[in-house]
Protein backbone atom coordinates (compact mmCIF):
# COMPACT_ATOMS: atom_id res chain seq x y z
CA MET A 1 4.09 -60.44 107.06
CA SER A 2 1.98 -61.84 109.85
CA VAL A 3 -0.36 -64.81 109.69
CA THR A 4 -2.76 -65.90 112.44
CA VAL A 5 -5.09 -68.88 112.31
CA THR A 6 -7.66 -69.46 115.05
CA ASN A 7 -9.61 -72.64 115.66
CA PRO A 8 -12.93 -71.88 117.41
CA PRO A 9 -13.92 -73.56 120.69
CA GLY A 10 -14.93 -77.16 120.06
CA GLY A 11 -13.29 -77.14 116.63
CA THR A 12 -11.37 -80.09 115.32
CA GLY A 13 -8.28 -80.31 113.18
CA ALA A 14 -8.51 -81.36 109.56
CA ALA A 15 -8.02 -85.02 108.82
CA GLY A 16 -4.74 -85.73 107.12
CA ASP A 17 -2.45 -88.57 106.21
CA GLY A 18 -0.10 -87.87 109.11
CA ALA A 19 2.86 -87.20 106.80
CA GLY A 20 3.44 -83.64 108.06
CA LEU A 21 5.23 -82.44 111.16
CA GLY A 22 2.37 -80.37 112.55
CA ILE A 23 3.14 -77.47 114.86
CA ALA A 24 6.78 -78.54 115.31
CA GLY A 25 7.27 -78.43 111.54
CA MET A 26 5.61 -75.04 111.21
CA ARG A 27 7.79 -73.63 114.02
CA GLU A 28 10.94 -75.02 112.39
CA ARG A 29 10.11 -73.51 108.99
CA VAL A 30 9.21 -70.08 110.39
CA THR A 31 12.31 -69.80 112.58
CA ALA A 32 14.52 -71.01 109.68
CA LEU A 33 13.30 -67.94 107.78
CA GLY A 34 14.15 -65.62 110.70
CA GLY A 35 10.56 -65.26 111.86
CA THR A 36 8.74 -65.81 115.12
CA PHE A 37 6.10 -68.43 115.85
CA SER A 38 3.67 -68.87 118.71
CA THR A 39 0.74 -71.02 119.74
CA ALA A 40 -1.76 -70.46 122.52
CA ALA A 41 -5.19 -71.31 123.81
CA THR A 42 -7.63 -68.43 123.30
CA GLN A 43 -9.73 -66.96 126.10
CA ALA A 44 -12.82 -68.29 124.32
CA GLY A 45 -11.48 -71.87 124.52
CA GLY A 46 -10.13 -72.17 120.98
CA PHE A 47 -6.55 -72.44 119.75
CA GLU A 48 -4.43 -69.93 117.84
CA VAL A 49 -1.27 -70.24 115.75
CA SER A 50 0.63 -67.07 114.79
CA ALA A 51 3.68 -66.52 112.59
CA LEU A 52 5.56 -63.32 111.87
CA LEU A 53 7.78 -63.62 108.79
CA PRO A 54 10.36 -61.11 107.62
CA THR A 55 9.75 -59.67 104.16
CA ALA A 56 12.36 -58.53 101.66
CA GLY A 57 12.98 -54.80 101.81
CA ALA A 58 11.09 -54.30 105.07
CA SER A 59 12.67 -51.98 107.57
């Protein structure tokens, strides 16, 4: 399963209580499941987070 979330140029993150671990926490969880995780600036000036997670029974 792959998941990609893109923040458009000039976008802002959602306000939160600061209790999470942000990108570091997402990376830790994805890699703990045997997946891959990446972040990058987009050519349009936004920001993108991508995760590829293994699924049961996938070959």
